[in-house]
Amino acid sequence: MDKPKRQPRLSFPSFLDKFPEVPLPVTLAEEAHHAFSQKNDPLPTVMIEQFILPIEGQPMDDYTEFVPCMRIPETHDFHAIIYWRAMLMSYQYSLVTFNKKGELIDKRVIAGTISQGGTLTTSVATIEDDWKIYIVSGQSQANQNKGFDPAKSTANHLELLPEGQITEHI
């Protein structure tokens, strides 16, 4: 009986190569993933299984898609990448930091769109060149064309620290 073929382990640098450095500031809005998917090569399934799924905490199904977006430049002691994950009724940009060995330091969803029943929540993130991250979120009702209610909008302020931690400012 033939043994199932084992997928070869890929190198962490080959994974990072899928995420080109993008100069800051950058804004991640609802449709930004289209530009990234046109410029960047897709992630092979074996890379998703080896590097992304272990940190996601959710399995991949037939409706899940990943797009490598970017790498934050000049992170000398760590690596910081952003990828987009599409699932059924949920689209999220995740900021993930790794040490030089490829071990996870931190992970945070920083932007995206989620549909929960009749409510649509959209978040937009801007990453400044000093690694401060500003996130604005708004909600609307899926059956209304009025746009977002400013009274229900929120703003968050995160920062990417020199050690690779992602902290929230209150």
Protein backbone atom coordinates (compact mmCIF):
# COMPACT_ATOMS: atom_id res chain seq x y z
CA MET A 1 0.00 0.00 0.00
CA ASP A 2 1.36 3.43 -0.91
CA LYS A 3 1.99 5.86 1.89
CA PRO A 4 0.37 9.28 1.44
CA LYS A 5 2.86 11.83 0.24
CA ARG A 6 3.87 14.30 2.89
CA GLN A 7 3.94 17.94 1.88
CA PRO A 8 7.43 19.42 2.02
CA ARG A 9 8.01 22.06 4.68
CA LEU A 10 8.49 25.47 3.16
CA SER A 11 10.92 28.04 4.45
CA PHE A 12 9.69 31.05 6.38
CA PRO A 13 11.61 33.44 4.07
CA SER A 14 9.75 31.98 1.06
CA PHE A 15 6.48 32.74 2.85
CA LEU A 16 7.58 36.31 3.61
CA ASP A 17 8.49 36.81 -0.06
CA LYS A 18 4.75 36.63 -0.87
CA PHE A 19 4.27 39.87 1.10
CA PRO A 20 6.02 42.81 -0.58
CA GLU A 21 7.07 45.75 1.56
CA VAL A 22 4.73 48.70 1.06
CA PRO A 23 5.71 52.23 2.08
CA LEU A 24 3.68 53.73 4.89
CA PRO A 25 1.21 55.33 5.45
CA VAL A 26 -1.30 52.91 3.99
CA THR A 27 -5.08 52.60 4.36
CA LEU A 28 -6.85 49.26 4.36
CA ALA A 29 -10.44 49.77 3.28
CA GLU A 30 -13.11 47.40 2.05
CA GLU A 31 -11.87 47.06 -1.53
CA ALA A 32 -8.08 47.31 -0.98
CA HIS A 33 -7.68 43.55 -1.29
CA HIS A 34 -8.47 43.81 -5.03
CA ALA A 35 -5.33 45.87 -5.65
CA PHE A 36 -3.24 43.47 -3.58
CA SER A 37 -4.63 40.40 -5.36
CA GLN A 38 -3.76 41.92 -8.75
CA LYS A 39 -0.17 42.75 -7.75
CA ASN A 40 0.75 39.84 -5.47
CA ASP A 41 1.02 36.16 -6.28
CA PRO A 42 -1.55 33.99 -4.51
CA LEU A 43 -0.52 31.95 -1.50
CA PRO A 44 -0.12 28.25 -2.29
CA THR A 45 -2.35 25.99 -0.19
CA VAL A 46 0.67 24.40 1.47
CA MET A 47 1.82 27.87 2.68
CA ILE A 48 -1.63 28.64 4.04
CA GLU A 49 -1.69 25.30 5.87
CA GLN A 50 1.84 25.69 7.25
CA PHE A 51 1.97 29.38 8.21
CA ILE A 52 -1.53 30.88 8.42
CA LEU A 53 -4.01 28.24 9.58
CA PRO A 54 -2.07 27.48 12.80
CA ILE A 55 -2.49 31.11 13.91
CA GLU A 56 -6.04 31.57 12.62
CA GLY A 57 -7.74 29.20 15.02
CA GLN A 58 -10.40 28.42 12.41
CA PRO A 59 -10.33 25.76 9.71
CA MET A 60 -10.36 26.64 6.04
CA ASP A 61 -13.42 25.61 4.04
CA ASP A 62 -14.44 25.81 0.38
CA TYR A 63 -15.51 29.45 0.85
CA THR A 64 -12.29 30.66 2.47
CA GLU A 65 -9.77 32.70 0.53
CA PHE A 66 -6.51 34.34 1.59
CA VAL A 67 -4.75 37.23 -0.17
CA PRO A 68 -1.22 38.26 0.81
CA CYS A 69 -1.32 42.03 1.12
CA MET A 70 1.89 43.57 2.41
CA ARG A 71 4.81 43.57 4.77
CA ILE A 72 5.51 46.57 6.97
CA PRO A 73 8.96 47.97 6.11
CA GLU A 74 11.92 48.52 8.44
CA THR A 75 10.87 46.14 11.22
CA HIS A 76 14.43 45.24 12.07
CA ASP A 77 13.88 42.78 14.95
CA PHE A 78 10.68 41.13 13.69
CA HIS A 79 8.47 40.68 10.62
CA ALA A 80 5.00 42.21 10.27
CA ILE A 81 2.65 41.06 7.52
CA ILE A 82 -0.94 41.80 6.60
CA TYR A 83 -3.21 39.34 4.84
CA TRP A 84 -6.87 39.42 3.89
CA ARG A 85 -9.14 36.50 4.75
CA ALA A 86 -12.51 36.07 3.08
CA MET A 87 -15.06 33.73 4.61
CA LEU A 88 -18.79 33.51 4.18
CA MET A 89 -20.12 36.95 5.28
CA SER A 90 -16.78 37.96 6.86
CA TYR A 91 -13.81 39.74 5.27
CA GLN A 92 -10.88 40.67 7.50
CA TYR A 93 -7.41 42.19 7.28
CA SER A 94 -5.08 40.68 9.89
CA LEU A 95 -1.80 42.15 11.08
CA VAL A 96 0.54 39.37 12.22
CA THR A 97 4.01 39.70 13.69
CA PHE A 98 6.69 37.02 13.82
CA ASN A 99 10.16 36.90 15.33
CA LYS A 100 13.14 36.30 13.06
CA LYS A 101 12.73 32.52 13.48
CA GLY A 102 9.16 32.68 12.16
CA GLU A 103 7.47 32.21 15.53
CA LEU A 104 4.25 34.11 16.21
CA ILE A 105 4.57 37.23 18.37
CA ASP A 106 1.11 38.79 17.98
CA LYS A 107 -1.96 38.87 15.73
CA ARG A 108 -4.81 41.34 15.42
CA VAL A 109 -7.69 41.86 13.00
CA ILE A 110 -7.39 45.54 12.07
CA ALA A 111 -10.00 46.08 9.33
CA GLY A 112 -12.75 44.37 7.39
CA THR A 113 -16.46 43.80 6.97
CA ILE A 114 -18.65 41.43 8.93
CA SER A 115 -22.34 40.72 8.39
CA GLN A 116 -24.19 39.65 11.52
CA GLY A 117 -27.85 39.13 10.82
CA GLY A 118 -29.16 42.43 9.51
CA THR A 119 -26.17 44.48 10.70
CA LEU A 120 -23.14 45.21 8.55
CA THR A 121 -20.00 46.33 10.43
CA THR A 122 -17.17 47.84 8.40
CA SER A 123 -13.76 48.88 9.75
CA VAL A 124 -11.06 50.84 7.94
CA ALA A 125 -7.47 50.99 9.22
CA THR A 126 -4.72 53.47 8.47
CA ILE A 127 -1.16 52.50 9.38
CA GLU A 128 1.07 55.54 9.78
CA ASP A 129 4.82 55.59 9.18
CA ASP A 130 5.41 55.67 12.97
CA TRP A 131 3.52 52.32 13.25
CA LYS A 132 0.45 53.87 14.83
CA ILE A 133 -2.75 52.28 13.56
CA TYR A 134 -6.04 54.18 13.48
CA ILE A 135 -9.22 52.14 13.03
CA VAL A 136 -12.66 53.58 12.37
CA SER A 137 -15.66 51.25 12.47
CA GLY A 138 -19.27 51.88 11.54
CA GLN A 139 -22.47 49.93 11.36
CA SER A 140 -25.40 50.00 9.00
CA GLN A 141 -28.49 47.93 8.49
CA ALA A 142 -28.14 45.61 5.51
CA ASN A 143 -31.62 46.47 4.22
CA GLN A 144 -31.09 50.27 4.28
CA ASN A 145 -29.19 52.48 1.84
CA LYS A 146 -28.66 55.33 4.32
CA GLY A 147 -25.01 54.54 4.96
CA PHE A 148 -23.42 54.47 8.38
CA ASP A 149 -24.86 56.08 11.49
CA PRO A 150 -22.14 58.41 12.85
CA ALA A 151 -23.51 57.97 16.39
CA LYS A 152 -22.69 54.26 16.16
CA SER A 153 -19.16 54.75 14.78
CA THR A 154 -16.14 53.93 16.91
CA ALA A 155 -12.46 54.76 16.69
CA ASN A 156 -9.56 52.69 18.00
CA HIS A 157 -5.88 53.48 18.20
CA LEU A 158 -3.32 50.68 18.11
CA GLU A 159 0.45 50.74 17.96
CA LEU A 160 2.98 48.28 16.66
CA LEU A 161 5.82 48.22 19.20
CA PRO A 162 9.53 47.69 18.35
CA GLU A 163 9.34 44.16 19.83
CA GLY A 164 6.46 43.20 17.52
CA GLN A 165 3.64 43.49 20.07
CA ILE A 166 0.39 45.15 18.98
CA THR A 167 -1.01 47.32 21.76
CA GLU A 168 -4.23 49.28 22.12
CA HIS A 169 -4.24 52.88 23.30
CA ILE A 170 -7.18 53.87 25.44
